[in-house]
């Protein structure tokens, strides 16, 4: 393959107009070519931006889903209750309780006040 054929092949592959050919076309043709290239670049930019936006929306959806799993309200909806003592502290262990103590229960819907009758450690 000659050097000229190699250059022509490269020009075809990259859709380029060689510099020597650009000098031979009129300014109007050069402008039209540049407008076409600009339109192609604009389309590529729009496509790229849409793809990036879709990736970001998917990531946001995954993060929102993860937060839903950590949401205390979601835990309450599964049948658990949040137990607080009279000071408003969360009760995590029966050793924090005293017989006769009043506790506040927070449920998925509503709340209740209860009294400790017995406890097991």
Protein backbone atom coordinates (compact mmCIF):
# COMPACT_ATOMS: atom_id res chain seq x y z
CA UNK A 1 0.00 0.00 0.00
CA UNK A 2 1.42 3.38 -0.94
CA UNK A 3 1.63 6.33 1.41
CA UNK A 4 -1.17 8.08 -0.47
CA UNK A 5 -3.44 5.05 -0.13
CA UNK A 6 -2.66 4.86 3.59
CA UNK A 7 -3.62 8.51 4.07
CA UNK A 8 -6.83 8.06 2.05
CA UNK A 9 -7.74 5.00 4.15
CA UNK A 10 -7.14 6.90 7.39
CA UNK A 11 -9.25 9.80 6.14
CA UNK A 12 -12.12 7.43 5.31
CA UNK A 13 -11.89 5.67 8.69
CA UNK A 14 -12.01 8.89 10.70
CA UNK A 15 -14.39 10.74 8.40
CA UNK A 16 -11.87 13.54 8.03
CA UNK A 17 -11.31 15.98 5.26
CA UNK A 18 -7.56 16.27 4.65
CA UNK A 19 -6.00 19.70 4.99
CA UNK A 20 -5.08 19.82 1.30
CA UNK A 21 -8.68 19.08 0.32
CA UNK A 22 -9.98 21.75 2.69
CA UNK A 23 -7.91 24.37 0.92
CA UNK A 24 -9.56 23.43 -2.36
CA UNK A 25 -13.19 23.78 -1.24
CA UNK A 26 -15.04 27.06 -1.06
CA UNK A 27 -15.58 28.92 2.23
CA UNK A 28 -19.31 28.07 2.02
CA UNK A 29 -18.48 24.38 1.74
CA UNK A 30 -16.02 24.67 4.62
CA UNK A 31 -18.72 26.36 6.71
CA UNK A 32 -21.24 23.65 5.82
CA UNK A 33 -18.71 20.97 6.76
CA UNK A 34 -17.97 22.64 10.07
CA UNK A 35 -21.69 23.01 10.78
CA UNK A 36 -22.15 19.31 10.10
CA UNK A 37 -19.28 18.46 12.44
CA UNK A 38 -20.76 20.77 15.08
CA UNK A 39 -24.15 19.05 14.75
CA UNK A 40 -22.49 15.65 15.19
CA UNK A 41 -20.61 16.84 18.26
CA UNK A 42 -23.81 18.32 19.67
CA UNK A 43 -25.61 15.00 19.20
CA UNK A 44 -22.76 13.09 20.85
CA UNK A 45 -22.80 15.53 23.78
CA UNK A 46 -26.56 15.17 24.24
CA UNK A 47 -26.33 11.38 24.13
CA UNK A 48 -23.49 11.40 26.62
CA UNK A 49 -25.36 13.73 28.96
CA UNK A 50 -28.49 11.55 28.81
CA UNK A 51 -26.46 8.44 29.60
CA UNK A 52 -24.75 10.19 32.51
CA UNK A 53 -28.12 11.39 33.84
CA UNK A 54 -29.54 7.86 33.62
CA UNK A 55 -26.53 6.46 35.51
CA UNK A 56 -26.93 9.11 38.22
CA UNK A 57 -30.69 8.41 38.50
CA UNK A 58 -30.02 4.68 38.86
CA UNK A 59 -27.43 5.35 41.56
CA UNK A 60 -29.87 7.64 43.38
CA UNK A 61 -32.55 4.92 43.25
CA UNK A 62 -30.11 2.40 44.73
CA UNK A 63 -29.17 4.81 47.52
CA UNK A 64 -32.83 5.57 48.28
CA UNK A 65 -33.56 1.86 48.49
CA UNK A 66 -30.66 1.41 50.89
CA UNK A 67 -31.95 4.23 53.07
CA UNK A 68 -35.41 2.66 53.16
CA UNK A 69 -33.90 -0.49 54.64
CA UNK A 70 -32.23 1.57 57.38
CA UNK A 71 -35.29 3.69 58.11
CA UNK A 72 -36.61 3.07 61.66
CA UNK A 73 -40.14 3.55 60.35
CA UNK A 74 -39.59 0.55 58.07
CA UNK A 75 -38.53 -1.56 61.04
CA UNK A 76 -41.69 -0.55 62.90
CA UNK A 77 -43.80 -1.52 59.90
CA UNK A 78 -42.35 -5.03 60.15
CA UNK A 79 -43.85 -5.41 63.65
CA UNK A 80 -41.13 -4.13 65.94
CA UNK A 81 -41.53 -1.44 68.58
CA UNK A 82 -39.27 1.33 69.82
CA UNK A 83 -39.07 1.25 73.64
CA UNK A 84 -38.14 4.35 75.64
CA UNK A 85 -37.83 4.85 79.39
CA UNK A 86 -39.23 7.85 81.26
CA UNK A 87 -36.08 9.87 80.42
CA UNK A 88 -36.68 9.27 76.71
CA UNK A 89 -33.69 6.93 76.36
CA UNK A 90 -33.97 3.91 74.08
CA UNK A 91 -34.14 0.64 75.99
CA UNK A 92 -31.89 -2.00 74.44
CA UNK A 93 -31.43 -4.38 77.36
CA UNK A 94 -33.71 -5.70 80.11
CA UNK A 95 -31.04 -4.73 82.65
CA UNK A 96 -31.96 -1.10 81.94
CA UNK A 97 -35.45 -1.78 83.34
CA UNK A 98 -36.83 -1.73 86.83
CA UNK A 99 -40.02 -3.46 87.99
CA UNK A 100 -42.86 -0.93 88.11
CA UNK A 101 -41.14 1.42 85.66
CA UNK A 102 -43.31 3.08 83.01
CA UNK A 103 -42.15 2.75 79.41
CA UNK A 104 -43.26 4.38 76.19
CA UNK A 105 -43.72 2.11 73.15
CA UNK A 106 -43.65 3.56 69.67
CA UNK A 107 -45.34 1.38 67.08
CA UNK A 108 -45.79 1.67 63.32
CA UNK A 109 -49.17 3.28 64.01
CA UNK A 110 -49.47 5.02 67.33
CA UNK A 111 -47.87 4.50 70.69
CA UNK A 112 -48.60 2.97 74.08
CA UNK A 113 -47.54 3.45 77.66
CA UNK A 114 -46.74 0.24 79.57
CA UNK A 115 -45.57 -0.73 83.03
CA UNK A 116 -42.88 -3.33 83.71
CA UNK A 117 -44.36 -6.05 85.89
CA UNK A 118 -41.53 -8.56 85.72
CA UNK A 119 -38.24 -8.79 83.87
CA UNK A 120 -35.85 -11.49 82.82
CA UNK A 121 -32.15 -10.76 82.34
